[in-house]
């Protein structure tokens, strides 16, 4: 049977706390030996398949890992490729958060499909990079942050590619002096956040909400 890959693949790592034996042994109230369990931080690597014509979403693979390093992602993605998740079988777009280990694994494998940098993660990183005066009251800080982030979010709300570039330049000029860290975060991988415009031209029936974020 021919395996057909989903047109879009979202990949991400979610961290959990796992209880498992830590190597210690204790006696319970009845004198029985019991393994002592410790709390260990683990990462679940997840691949979510999306069929944008129908809106169908399905977790097609997951794997428990100690982190999101190059080796972990390379092993996970190689297994997906072996299972037929490839450009030859219909895969057109991979959406990811731009993590160092994941990006290195994708470059190494060279799957031959377009990559979209997740907008949620990009905007979250910009928000974290904002520098606001410590003298502001909490409510005022929140209002200031929302106002600035509204300008940054507006970049990707444009319908046309040329409008995105114009808004990008406007935000760059407006905040490069007052918010240098946020602007540096914006510029980093910016082109990778715009892949969905090309995908929309190739597949006009695909809804934008399936193309931009994990």
N, C-alpha and C. Protein backbone atom coordinates (compact mmCIF):
# COMPACT_ATOMS: atom_id res chain seq x y z
N UNK A 1 0.84 -1.19 0.00
CA UNK A 1 0.00 0.00 0.00
C UNK A 1 0.88 1.25 0.00
N UNK A 2 0.58 2.20 -0.85
CA UNK A 2 1.35 3.44 -0.94
C UNK A 2 0.99 4.39 0.19
N UNK A 3 2.00 4.84 0.90
CA UNK A 3 1.80 5.78 2.00
C UNK A 3 1.74 7.18 1.42
N UNK A 4 0.71 7.93 1.76
CA UNK A 4 0.60 9.31 1.30
C UNK A 4 0.79 10.23 2.49
N UNK A 5 1.76 11.13 2.37
CA UNK A 5 2.08 12.02 3.48
C UNK A 5 1.06 13.15 3.56
N UNK A 6 0.87 13.73 4.74
CA UNK A 6 0.03 14.93 4.85
C UNK A 6 0.72 16.08 4.13
N UNK A 7 -0.03 17.00 3.53
CA UNK A 7 0.61 18.13 2.85
C UNK A 7 1.42 19.02 3.79
N UNK A 8 0.96 19.13 5.06
CA UNK A 8 1.64 19.99 6.03
C UNK A 8 2.00 19.18 7.26
N UNK A 9 3.20 19.44 7.78
CA UNK A 9 3.66 18.78 8.98
C UNK A 9 4.11 19.83 9.99
N UNK A 10 3.49 19.81 11.17
CA UNK A 10 3.93 20.66 12.27
C UNK A 10 4.77 19.81 13.21
N UNK A 11 5.96 20.28 13.57
CA UNK A 11 6.80 19.53 14.51
C UNK A 11 7.15 20.44 15.68
N UNK A 12 7.11 19.88 16.87
CA UNK A 12 7.38 20.68 18.07
C UNK A 12 7.75 19.74 19.21
N UNK A 13 8.36 20.30 20.23
CA UNK A 13 8.70 19.55 21.43
C UNK A 13 7.93 20.11 22.62
N UNK A 14 7.29 19.24 23.38
CA UNK A 14 6.54 19.64 24.56
C UNK A 14 7.19 18.99 25.79
N UNK A 15 7.49 19.80 26.79
CA UNK A 15 8.18 19.28 27.97
C UNK A 15 7.18 18.84 29.04
N UNK A 16 7.49 17.70 29.64
CA UNK A 16 6.65 17.12 30.68
C UNK A 16 7.53 16.70 31.86
N UNK A 17 6.90 16.42 32.98
CA UNK A 17 7.60 15.85 34.13
C UNK A 17 7.22 14.39 34.26
N UNK A 18 8.21 13.53 34.24
CA UNK A 18 7.97 12.08 34.30
C UNK A 18 8.43 11.54 35.65
N UNK A 19 7.60 10.71 36.27
CA UNK A 19 7.98 10.02 37.50
C UNK A 19 8.57 8.67 37.13
N UNK A 20 9.79 8.40 37.60
CA UNK A 20 10.42 7.11 37.32
C UNK A 20 11.45 6.82 38.40
N UNK A 21 11.83 5.54 38.59
CA UNK A 21 12.80 5.18 39.63
C UNK A 21 14.10 5.97 39.48
N UNK A 22 14.61 6.48 40.62
CA UNK A 22 15.85 7.28 40.56
C UNK A 22 17.07 6.51 41.05
N UNK A 23 16.90 5.21 41.27
CA UNK A 23 18.03 4.39 41.69
C UNK A 23 18.07 4.11 43.18
N UNK A 24 17.27 4.83 43.96
CA UNK A 24 17.23 4.61 45.41
C UNK A 24 16.15 3.57 45.76
N UNK A 25 16.38 2.90 46.88
CA UNK A 25 15.42 1.91 47.37
C UNK A 25 15.14 2.20 48.84
N UNK A 26 13.88 2.17 49.21
CA UNK A 26 13.48 2.38 50.60
C UNK A 26 12.52 1.28 51.02
N UNK A 27 12.41 1.12 52.34
CA UNK A 27 11.45 0.14 52.87
C UNK A 27 10.16 0.86 53.23
N UNK A 28 9.03 0.24 52.90
CA UNK A 28 7.75 0.83 53.24
C UNK A 28 7.37 0.45 54.68
N UNK A 29 6.15 0.80 55.08
CA UNK A 29 5.72 0.57 56.46
C UNK A 29 5.72 -0.91 56.84
N UNK A 30 5.59 -1.78 55.85
CA UNK A 30 5.57 -3.22 56.11
C UNK A 30 6.93 -3.87 55.91
N UNK A 31 7.96 -3.03 55.69
CA UNK A 31 9.30 -3.56 55.54
C UNK A 31 9.65 -4.02 54.14
N UNK A 32 8.77 -3.79 53.19
CA UNK A 32 9.04 -4.21 51.81
C UNK A 32 9.90 -3.17 51.10
N UNK A 33 10.80 -3.63 50.27
CA UNK A 33 11.67 -2.72 49.52
C UNK A 33 10.91 -2.11 48.35
N UNK A 34 10.98 -0.79 48.24
CA UNK A 34 10.29 -0.09 47.17
C UNK A 34 11.27 0.86 46.46
N UNK A 35 11.17 0.88 45.14
CA UNK A 35 12.01 1.81 44.38
C UNK A 35 11.49 3.24 44.60
N UNK A 36 12.41 4.15 44.84
CA UNK A 36 12.05 5.55 45.03
C UNK A 36 11.94 6.21 43.67
N UNK A 37 10.84 6.92 43.46
CA UNK A 37 10.64 7.60 42.17
C UNK A 37 11.02 9.07 42.28
N UNK A 38 11.69 9.54 41.24
CA UNK A 38 12.06 10.94 41.16
C UNK A 38 11.33 11.62 40.02
N UNK A 39 11.39 12.95 40.00
CA UNK A 39 10.75 13.73 38.94
C UNK A 39 11.81 14.12 37.92
N UNK A 40 11.60 13.72 36.67
CA UNK A 40 12.55 13.98 35.62
C UNK A 40 11.88 14.76 34.49
N UNK A 41 12.56 15.78 34.03
CA UNK A 41 12.05 16.58 32.92
C UNK A 41 12.34 15.85 31.61
N UNK A 42 11.31 15.58 30.84
CA UNK A 42 11.46 14.91 29.55
C UNK A 42 10.78 15.74 28.47
N UNK A 43 11.12 15.43 27.24
CA UNK A 43 10.55 16.15 26.10
C UNK A 43 9.83 15.17 25.19
N UNK A 44 8.62 15.51 24.78
CA UNK A 44 7.87 14.71 23.82
C UNK A 44 7.98 15.39 22.46
N UNK A 45 8.67 14.75 21.53
CA UNK A 45 8.75 15.25 20.16
C UNK A 45 7.49 14.81 19.42
N UNK A 46 6.81 15.77 18.80
CA UNK A 46 5.51 15.49 18.19
C UNK A 46 5.49 15.94 16.73
N UNK A 47 4.90 15.12 15.89
CA UNK A 47 4.65 15.48 14.49
C UNK A 47 3.15 15.45 14.24
N UNK A 48 2.59 16.60 13.90
CA UNK A 48 1.16 16.72 13.62
C UNK A 48 0.94 16.90 12.13
N UNK A 49 0.22 15.97 11.52
CA UNK A 49 -0.11 16.07 10.10
C UNK A 49 -1.35 16.90 9.89
N UNK A 50 -1.35 17.74 8.85
CA UNK A 50 -2.49 18.59 8.54
C UNK A 50 -2.86 18.44 7.07
N UNK A 51 -4.16 18.26 6.80
CA UNK A 51 -4.69 18.22 5.45
C UNK A 51 -5.53 19.49 5.27
N UNK A 52 -4.95 20.56 4.73
CA UNK A 52 -5.58 21.89 4.74
C UNK A 52 -6.84 22.01 3.89
N UNK A 53 -7.06 21.11 2.97
CA UNK A 53 -8.30 21.18 2.18
C UNK A 53 -9.52 20.79 3.00
N UNK A 54 -9.32 19.92 3.99
CA UNK A 54 -10.43 19.43 4.80
C UNK A 54 -10.38 19.91 6.25
N UNK A 55 -9.19 20.40 6.68
CA UNK A 55 -9.04 20.80 8.07
C UNK A 55 -8.69 19.65 8.99
N UNK A 56 -8.48 18.47 8.45
CA UNK A 56 -8.14 17.31 9.27
C UNK A 56 -6.76 17.47 9.89
N UNK A 57 -6.65 17.13 11.17
CA UNK A 57 -5.36 17.15 11.88
C UNK A 57 -5.20 15.82 12.60
N UNK A 58 -3.98 15.30 12.59
CA UNK A 58 -3.74 14.01 13.23
C UNK A 58 -2.28 13.91 13.67
N UNK A 59 -2.07 13.51 14.91
CA UNK A 59 -0.71 13.23 15.39
C UNK A 59 -0.25 11.95 14.71
N UNK A 60 0.76 12.06 13.88
CA UNK A 60 1.20 10.88 13.13
C UNK A 60 2.43 10.21 13.75
N UNK A 61 3.08 10.92 14.67
CA UNK A 61 4.22 10.30 15.37
C UNK A 61 4.57 11.12 16.60
N UNK A 62 5.07 10.42 17.62
CA UNK A 62 5.60 11.10 18.79
C UNK A 62 6.68 10.21 19.41
N UNK A 63 7.56 10.85 20.15
CA UNK A 63 8.68 10.11 20.74
C UNK A 63 9.15 10.80 22.01
N UNK A 64 9.39 10.04 23.06
CA UNK A 64 9.89 10.57 24.31
C UNK A 64 11.40 10.74 24.22
N UNK A 65 11.88 11.92 24.60
CA UNK A 65 13.30 12.24 24.46
C UNK A 65 13.77 13.01 25.68
N UNK A 66 15.08 13.11 25.83
CA UNK A 66 15.65 13.89 26.93
C UNK A 66 15.79 15.36 26.57
N UNK A 67 15.54 15.73 25.32
CA UNK A 67 15.66 17.12 24.93
C UNK A 67 15.40 17.31 23.45
N UNK A 68 15.70 18.52 22.95
CA UNK A 68 15.46 18.87 21.54
C UNK A 68 16.77 19.13 20.80
N UNK A 69 17.78 18.35 21.12
CA UNK A 69 19.06 18.51 20.47
C UNK A 69 19.07 17.95 19.05
N UNK A 70 20.17 18.17 18.35
CA UNK A 70 20.31 17.74 16.95
C UNK A 70 20.06 16.24 16.80
N UNK A 71 20.69 15.43 17.64
CA UNK A 71 20.58 13.97 17.50
C UNK A 71 19.14 13.49 17.71
N UNK A 72 18.47 14.06 18.72
CA UNK A 72 17.09 13.66 19.00
C UNK A 72 16.19 13.96 17.81
N UNK A 73 16.30 15.16 17.26
CA UNK A 73 15.46 15.53 16.12
C UNK A 73 15.85 14.76 14.86
N UNK A 74 17.14 14.52 14.67
CA UNK A 74 17.57 13.77 13.48
C UNK A 74 17.01 12.36 13.51
N UNK A 75 17.05 11.72 14.66
CA UNK A 75 16.48 10.37 14.81
C UNK A 75 14.98 10.37 14.52
N UNK A 76 14.29 11.33 15.09
CA UNK A 76 12.83 11.41 14.95
C UNK A 76 12.43 11.68 13.50
N UNK A 77 13.06 12.68 12.87
CA UNK A 77 12.72 13.05 11.50
C UNK A 77 13.14 11.96 10.50
N UNK A 78 14.25 11.28 10.77
CA UNK A 78 14.68 10.19 9.89
C UNK A 78 13.67 9.06 9.90
N UNK A 79 13.11 8.80 11.08
CA UNK A 79 12.10 7.74 11.20
C UNK A 79 10.84 8.12 10.41
N UNK A 80 10.46 9.40 10.47
CA UNK A 80 9.31 9.86 9.69
C UNK A 80 9.56 9.69 8.20
N UNK A 81 10.76 10.05 7.76
CA UNK A 81 11.09 9.92 6.34
C UNK A 81 11.04 8.47 5.89
N UNK A 82 11.52 7.57 6.74
CA UNK A 82 11.48 6.14 6.42
C UNK A 82 10.04 5.64 6.30
N UNK A 83 9.13 6.28 7.03
CA UNK A 83 7.72 5.88 7.00
C UNK A 83 6.96 6.49 5.81
N UNK A 84 7.65 7.28 5.00
CA UNK A 84 7.02 7.84 3.81
C UNK A 84 6.58 9.28 3.93
N UNK A 85 6.97 9.97 5.01
CA UNK A 85 6.62 11.38 5.16
C UNK A 85 7.68 12.18 4.44
N UNK A 86 7.46 12.43 3.15
CA UNK A 86 8.47 13.07 2.31
C UNK A 86 7.80 13.85 1.18
N UNK A 87 8.60 14.64 0.49
CA UNK A 87 8.09 15.42 -0.64
C UNK A 87 7.56 14.51 -1.75
N UNK A 88 8.21 13.39 -1.93
CA UNK A 88 7.79 12.45 -2.97
C UNK A 88 6.40 11.87 -2.70
N UNK A 89 6.02 11.85 -1.43
CA UNK A 89 4.71 11.28 -1.06
C UNK A 89 3.67 12.36 -0.75
N UNK A 90 4.00 13.64 -1.05
CA UNK A 90 2.97 14.67 -0.91
C UNK A 90 3.23 15.76 0.12
N UNK A 91 4.30 15.64 0.91
CA UNK A 91 4.61 16.67 1.90
C UNK A 91 5.05 17.95 1.21
N UNK A 92 4.46 19.09 1.60
CA UNK A 92 4.76 20.36 0.96
C UNK A 92 5.33 21.42 1.91
N UNK A 93 5.02 21.30 3.20
CA UNK A 93 5.42 22.35 4.13
C UNK A 93 5.67 21.77 5.52
N UNK A 94 6.75 22.22 6.16
CA UNK A 94 7.04 21.88 7.55
C UNK A 94 7.02 23.18 8.35
N UNK A 95 6.23 23.20 9.42
CA UNK A 95 6.13 24.36 10.30
C UNK A 95 6.83 24.03 11.61
N UNK A 96 7.73 24.91 12.05
CA UNK A 96 8.47 24.62 13.28
C UNK A 96 8.86 25.92 13.98
N UNK A 97 9.39 25.78 15.20
CA UNK A 97 9.67 26.96 16.03
C UNK A 97 11.05 27.55 15.83
N UNK A 98 11.86 26.98 14.95
CA UNK A 98 13.18 27.55 14.69
C UNK A 98 14.24 27.15 15.69
N UNK A 99 13.98 26.10 16.50
CA UNK A 99 14.96 25.64 17.47
C UNK A 99 16.27 25.23 16.81
N UNK A 100 17.38 25.46 17.50
CA UNK A 100 18.70 25.22 16.91
C UNK A 100 18.89 23.77 16.50
N UNK A 101 18.57 22.83 17.40
CA UNK A 101 18.75 21.42 17.09
C UNK A 101 17.86 20.95 15.95
N UNK A 102 16.62 21.41 15.93
CA UNK A 102 15.67 21.04 14.88
C UNK A 102 16.13 21.59 13.54
N UNK A 103 16.53 22.85 13.49
CA UNK A 103 16.97 23.45 12.23
C UNK A 103 18.21 22.73 11.69
N UNK A 104 19.13 22.36 12.57
CA UNK A 104 20.32 21.64 12.14
C UNK A 104 19.95 20.28 11.56
N UNK A 105 18.99 19.60 12.18
CA UNK A 105 18.55 18.29 11.68
C UNK A 105 17.87 18.41 10.32
N UNK A 106 17.05 19.46 10.15
CA UNK A 106 16.37 19.67 8.87
C UNK A 106 17.37 19.99 7.77
N UNK A 107 18.40 20.78 8.09
CA UNK A 107 19.44 21.07 7.09
C UNK A 107 20.20 19.81 6.71
N UNK A 108 20.47 18.98 7.70
CA UNK A 108 21.22 17.75 7.45
C UNK A 108 20.43 16.80 6.56
N UNK A 109 19.14 16.64 6.83
CA UNK A 109 18.32 15.71 6.06
C UNK A 109 17.96 16.26 4.69
N UNK A 110 17.76 17.59 4.60
CA UNK A 110 17.39 18.23 3.33
C UNK A 110 16.20 17.51 2.69
N UNK A 111 15.05 17.64 3.32
CA UNK A 111 13.85 16.92 2.88
C UNK A 111 13.25 17.48 1.60
N UNK A 112 13.69 18.65 1.17
CA UNK A 112 13.23 19.19 -0.10
C UNK A 112 11.85 19.81 -0.06
N UNK A 113 11.39 20.23 1.15
CA UNK A 113 10.10 20.89 1.26
C UNK A 113 10.27 22.27 1.89
N UNK A 114 9.30 23.14 1.68
CA UNK A 114 9.35 24.49 2.24
C UNK A 114 9.23 24.44 3.76
N UNK A 115 9.84 25.44 4.42
CA UNK A 115 9.77 25.53 5.88
C UNK A 115 9.18 26.87 6.29
N UNK A 116 8.27 26.83 7.25
CA UNK A 116 7.64 28.04 7.78
C UNK A 116 8.01 28.19 9.25
N UNK A 117 8.57 29.34 9.59
CA UNK A 117 8.89 29.65 10.98
C UNK A 117 7.60 30.01 11.70
N UNK A 118 7.31 29.34 12.81
CA UNK A 118 6.06 29.53 13.55
C UNK A 118 5.91 30.97 14.02
N UNK A 119 4.80 31.61 13.66
CA UNK A 119 4.56 33.00 14.04
C UNK A 119 4.31 33.15 15.53
N UNK A 120 3.67 32.17 16.15
CA UNK A 120 3.42 32.26 17.59
C UNK A 120 4.74 32.36 18.36
N UNK A 121 5.69 31.49 18.02
CA UNK A 121 6.98 31.52 18.69
C UNK A 121 7.75 32.80 18.37
N UNK A 122 7.67 33.26 17.14
CA UNK A 122 8.36 34.50 16.77
C UNK A 122 7.84 35.67 17.58
N UNK A 123 6.52 35.82 17.66
CA UNK A 123 5.92 36.93 18.41
C UNK A 123 6.19 36.80 19.91
N UNK A 124 6.19 35.59 20.41
CA UNK A 124 6.50 35.40 21.83
C UNK A 124 7.94 35.83 22.13
N UNK A 125 8.86 35.50 21.25
CA UNK A 125 10.26 35.89 21.45
C UNK A 125 10.43 37.40 21.35
N UNK A 126 9.68 38.05 20.44
CA UNK A 126 9.73 39.51 20.34
C UNK A 126 9.22 40.14 21.63
N UNK A 127 8.11 39.61 22.15
CA UNK A 127 7.54 40.14 23.38
C UNK A 127 8.52 40.02 24.54
N UNK A 128 9.21 38.89 24.63
CA UNK A 128 10.19 38.69 25.70
C UNK A 128 11.37 39.66 25.57
N UNK A 129 11.66 40.08 24.33
CA UNK A 129 12.81 40.95 24.10
C UNK A 129 12.51 42.43 24.33
N UNK A 130 11.24 42.77 24.53
CA UNK A 130 10.89 44.18 24.75
C UNK A 130 11.52 44.70 26.03
N UNK A 131 12.01 45.93 25.96
CA UNK A 131 12.65 46.57 27.11
C UNK A 131 11.80 47.76 27.53
N UNK A 132 11.15 47.63 28.70
CA UNK A 132 10.26 48.68 29.19
C UNK A 132 10.83 49.25 30.49
N UNK A 133 10.65 50.55 30.72
CA UNK A 133 11.19 51.19 31.93
C UNK A 133 10.65 50.55 33.20
N UNK A 134 11.55 50.30 34.15
CA UNK A 134 11.14 49.70 35.42
C UNK A 134 10.27 50.65 36.24
N UNK A 135 10.31 51.93 35.89
CA UNK A 135 9.55 52.92 36.66
C UNK A 135 8.06 52.90 36.34
N UNK A 136 7.68 52.23 35.26
CA UNK A 136 6.27 52.18 34.88
C UNK A 136 5.47 51.32 35.87
N UNK A 137 4.25 51.74 36.14
CA UNK A 137 3.34 50.94 36.95
C UNK A 137 2.95 49.68 36.16
N UNK A 138 2.60 48.59 36.87
CA UNK A 138 2.27 47.33 36.17
C UNK A 138 1.22 47.49 35.07
N UNK A 139 0.13 48.21 35.36
CA UNK A 139 -0.91 48.40 34.34
C UNK A 139 -0.37 49.17 33.15
N UNK A 140 0.46 50.16 33.41
CA UNK A 140 1.02 50.96 32.33
C UNK A 140 2.00 50.14 31.50
N UNK A 141 2.74 49.26 32.15
CA UNK A 141 3.67 48.38 31.44
C UNK A 141 2.91 47.45 30.51
N UNK A 142 1.80 46.90 31.00
CA UNK A 142 1.00 46.00 30.17
C UNK A 142 0.42 46.73 28.97
N UNK A 143 -0.07 47.96 29.19
CA UNK A 143 -0.63 48.74 28.07
C UNK A 143 0.46 49.06 27.05
N UNK A 144 1.62 49.43 27.55
CA UNK A 144 2.74 49.76 26.66
C UNK A 144 3.15 48.55 25.84
N UNK A 145 3.22 47.39 26.50
CA UNK A 145 3.60 46.17 25.80
C UNK A 145 2.57 45.81 24.73
N UNK A 146 1.27 45.91 25.07
CA UNK A 146 0.22 45.59 24.09
C UNK A 146 0.29 46.53 22.89
N UNK A 147 0.55 47.81 23.14
CA UNK A 147 0.62 48.79 22.06
C UNK A 147 1.75 48.47 21.10
N UNK A 148 2.92 48.18 21.67
CA UNK A 148 4.08 47.86 20.82
C UNK A 148 3.84 46.56 20.06
N UNK A 149 3.33 45.53 20.75
CA UNK A 149 3.12 44.24 20.10
C UNK A 149 2.05 44.33 19.02
N UNK A 150 1.10 45.25 19.16
CA UNK A 150 0.09 45.44 18.11
C UNK A 150 0.76 45.85 16.80
N UNK A 151 1.79 46.68 16.89
CA UNK A 151 2.51 47.11 15.69
C UNK A 151 3.28 45.95 15.07
N UNK A 152 3.93 45.15 15.92
CA UNK A 152 4.68 44.00 15.41
C UNK A 152 3.74 42.97 14.78
N UNK A 153 2.64 42.65 15.46
CA UNK A 153 1.68 41.67 14.93
C UNK A 153 1.10 42.12 13.60
N UNK A 154 0.93 43.44 13.46
CA UNK A 154 0.34 43.97 12.23
C UNK A 154 1.13 43.65 10.99
N UNK A 155 2.41 43.37 11.14
CA UNK A 155 3.25 43.02 9.98
C UNK A 155 2.65 41.84 9.24
N UNK A 156 2.29 40.81 9.99
CA UNK A 156 1.82 39.56 9.36
C UNK A 156 0.32 39.51 9.13
N UNK A 157 -0.38 40.59 9.46
CA UNK A 157 -1.82 40.63 9.22
C UNK A 157 -2.15 41.12 7.81
N UNK A 158 -1.14 41.54 7.09
CA UNK A 158 -1.35 42.05 5.73
C UNK A 158 -1.73 40.91 4.79
N UNK A 159 -2.58 41.21 3.84
CA UNK A 159 -3.01 40.20 2.87
C UNK A 159 -1.98 40.00 1.77
N UNK A 160 -1.25 41.07 1.44
CA UNK A 160 -0.31 40.99 0.32
C UNK A 160 1.13 41.05 0.81
N UNK A 161 2.00 40.37 0.09
CA UNK A 161 3.41 40.27 0.46
C UNK A 161 4.08 41.64 0.51
N UNK A 162 3.80 42.49 -0.45
CA UNK A 162 4.45 43.81 -0.49
C UNK A 162 4.03 44.68 0.70
N UNK A 163 2.81 44.47 1.18
CA UNK A 163 2.35 45.21 2.36
C UNK A 163 3.09 44.76 3.61
N UNK A 164 3.39 43.47 3.69
CA UNK A 164 4.18 42.94 4.80
C UNK A 164 5.55 43.63 4.84
N UNK A 165 6.19 43.72 3.69
CA UNK A 165 7.52 44.33 3.64
C UNK A 165 7.46 45.81 4.03
N UNK A 166 6.42 46.49 3.59
CA UNK A 166 6.28 47.91 3.94
C UNK A 166 6.08 48.07 5.45
N UNK A 167 5.23 47.24 6.04
CA UNK A 167 5.01 47.32 7.48
C UNK A 167 6.26 46.93 8.27
N UNK A 168 6.99 45.96 7.76
CA UNK A 168 8.24 45.56 8.40
C UNK A 168 9.21 46.75 8.48
N UNK A 169 9.35 47.48 7.39
CA UNK A 169 10.24 48.63 7.37
C UNK A 169 9.76 49.73 8.31
N UNK A 170 8.45 49.91 8.37
CA UNK A 170 7.89 50.92 9.27
C UNK A 170 8.20 50.59 10.73
N UNK A 171 7.99 49.33 11.11
CA UNK A 171 8.26 48.90 12.48
C UNK A 171 9.76 48.99 12.78
N UNK A 172 10.56 48.59 11.82
CA UNK A 172 12.02 48.65 12.00
C UNK A 172 12.47 50.09 12.28
N UNK A 173 12.00 51.03 11.48
CA UNK A 173 12.40 52.43 11.66
C UNK A 173 11.85 53.02 12.95
N UNK A 174 10.65 52.60 13.33
CA UNK A 174 10.01 53.16 14.52
C UNK A 174 10.66 52.69 15.82
N UNK A 175 11.12 51.40 15.85
CA UNK A 175 11.56 50.83 17.12
C UNK A 175 13.04 50.45 17.17
N UNK A 176 13.80 50.70 16.11
CA UNK A 176 15.20 50.24 16.13
C UNK A 176 16.02 50.93 17.22
N UNK A 177 15.67 52.17 17.59
CA UNK A 177 16.41 52.88 18.63
C UNK A 177 15.90 52.53 20.03
N UNK A 178 14.58 52.47 20.19
CA UNK A 178 14.01 52.25 21.53
C UNK A 178 13.91 50.78 21.91
N UNK A 179 13.82 49.87 20.90
CA UNK A 179 13.67 48.44 21.18
C UNK A 179 14.66 47.63 20.32
N UNK A 180 15.95 47.82 20.52
CA UNK A 180 16.94 47.13 19.65
C UNK A 180 16.88 45.61 19.75
N UNK A 181 16.64 45.07 20.97
CA UNK A 181 16.59 43.62 21.12
C UNK A 181 15.39 43.02 20.40
N UNK A 182 14.25 43.70 20.49
CA UNK A 182 13.05 43.21 19.80
C UNK A 182 13.22 43.27 18.29
N UNK A 183 13.87 44.33 17.81
CA UNK A 183 14.11 44.47 16.37
C UNK A 183 15.08 43.39 15.89
N UNK A 184 16.10 43.10 16.70
CA UNK A 184 17.04 42.03 16.33
C UNK A 184 16.32 40.69 16.25
N UNK A 185 15.40 40.46 17.16
CA UNK A 185 14.61 39.22 17.14
C UNK A 185 13.70 39.17 15.92
N UNK A 186 13.12 40.31 15.58
CA UNK A 186 12.27 40.39 14.38
C UNK A 186 13.06 40.06 13.13
N UNK A 187 14.25 40.62 13.00
CA UNK A 187 15.05 40.45 11.79
C UNK A 187 15.56 39.01 11.64
N UNK A 188 15.79 38.36 12.78
CA UNK A 188 16.33 37.00 12.74
C UNK A 188 15.29 36.04 12.14
N UNK A 189 15.65 35.39 11.07
CA UNK A 189 14.75 34.41 10.40
C UNK A 189 13.48 35.06 9.86
N UNK A 190 13.48 36.37 9.61
CA UNK A 190 12.24 37.02 9.18
C UNK A 190 11.72 36.42 7.88
N UNK A 191 12.58 36.20 6.91
CA UNK A 191 12.14 35.63 5.63
C UNK A 191 11.46 34.28 5.82
N UNK A 192 11.93 33.51 6.81
CA UNK A 192 11.34 32.19 7.05
C UNK A 192 9.93 32.28 7.62
N UNK A 193 9.54 33.46 8.11
CA UNK A 193 8.17 33.63 8.62
C UNK A 193 7.19 33.95 7.50
N UNK A 194 7.69 34.15 6.29
CA UNK A 194 6.84 34.57 5.17
C UNK A 194 6.63 33.48 4.12
N UNK A 195 7.07 32.28 4.43
CA UNK A 195 6.96 31.18 3.46
C UNK A 195 5.52 30.95 3.02
N UNK A 196 4.59 31.19 3.93
CA UNK A 196 3.18 30.87 3.64
C UNK A 196 2.63 31.65 2.46
N UNK A 197 3.21 32.81 2.15
CA UNK A 197 2.72 33.57 0.98
C UNK A 197 2.96 32.78 -0.31
N UNK A 198 4.12 32.18 -0.43
CA UNK A 198 4.40 31.36 -1.61
C UNK A 198 3.52 30.12 -1.66
N UNK A 199 3.27 29.51 -0.50
CA UNK A 199 2.41 28.33 -0.45
C UNK A 199 0.98 28.69 -0.86
N UNK A 200 0.51 29.87 -0.44
CA UNK A 200 -0.84 30.31 -0.81
C UNK A 200 -0.98 30.47 -2.31
N UNK A 201 0.05 30.95 -2.96
CA UNK A 201 0.00 31.11 -4.42
C UNK A 201 -0.06 29.76 -5.12
N UNK A 202 0.67 28.78 -4.58
CA UNK A 202 0.68 27.45 -5.17
C UNK A 202 -0.61 26.69 -4.87
N UNK A 203 -1.21 26.96 -3.70
CA UNK A 203 -2.40 26.22 -3.28
C UNK A 203 -3.44 27.21 -2.76
N UNK A 204 -4.15 27.88 -3.65
CA UNK A 204 -5.10 28.94 -3.26
C UNK A 204 -6.23 28.48 -2.34
N UNK A 205 -6.54 27.18 -2.32
CA UNK A 205 -7.65 26.69 -1.49
C UNK A 205 -7.22 26.42 -0.05
N UNK A 206 -5.93 26.44 0.21
CA UNK A 206 -5.45 26.16 1.57
C UNK A 206 -5.65 27.39 2.44
N UNK A 207 -6.25 27.21 3.60
CA UNK A 207 -6.51 28.33 4.50
C UNK A 207 -5.24 28.76 5.23
N UNK A 208 -5.08 30.07 5.35
CA UNK A 208 -3.86 30.63 5.95
C UNK A 208 -3.63 30.15 7.37
N UNK A 209 -4.71 29.90 8.10
CA UNK A 209 -4.55 29.51 9.52
C UNK A 209 -3.86 28.17 9.67
N UNK A 210 -3.76 27.36 8.61
CA UNK A 210 -3.07 26.09 8.67
C UNK A 210 -1.59 26.21 8.29
N UNK A 211 -1.17 27.39 7.86
CA UNK A 211 0.14 27.53 7.22
C UNK A 211 1.18 28.29 8.02
N UNK A 212 0.82 28.83 9.21
CA UNK A 212 1.72 29.82 9.81
C UNK A 212 2.20 29.50 11.22
N UNK A 213 1.57 28.59 11.92
CA UNK A 213 1.93 28.41 13.32
C UNK A 213 1.71 26.99 13.81
N UNK A 214 2.47 26.61 14.83
CA UNK A 214 2.25 25.30 15.46
C UNK A 214 1.25 25.40 16.60
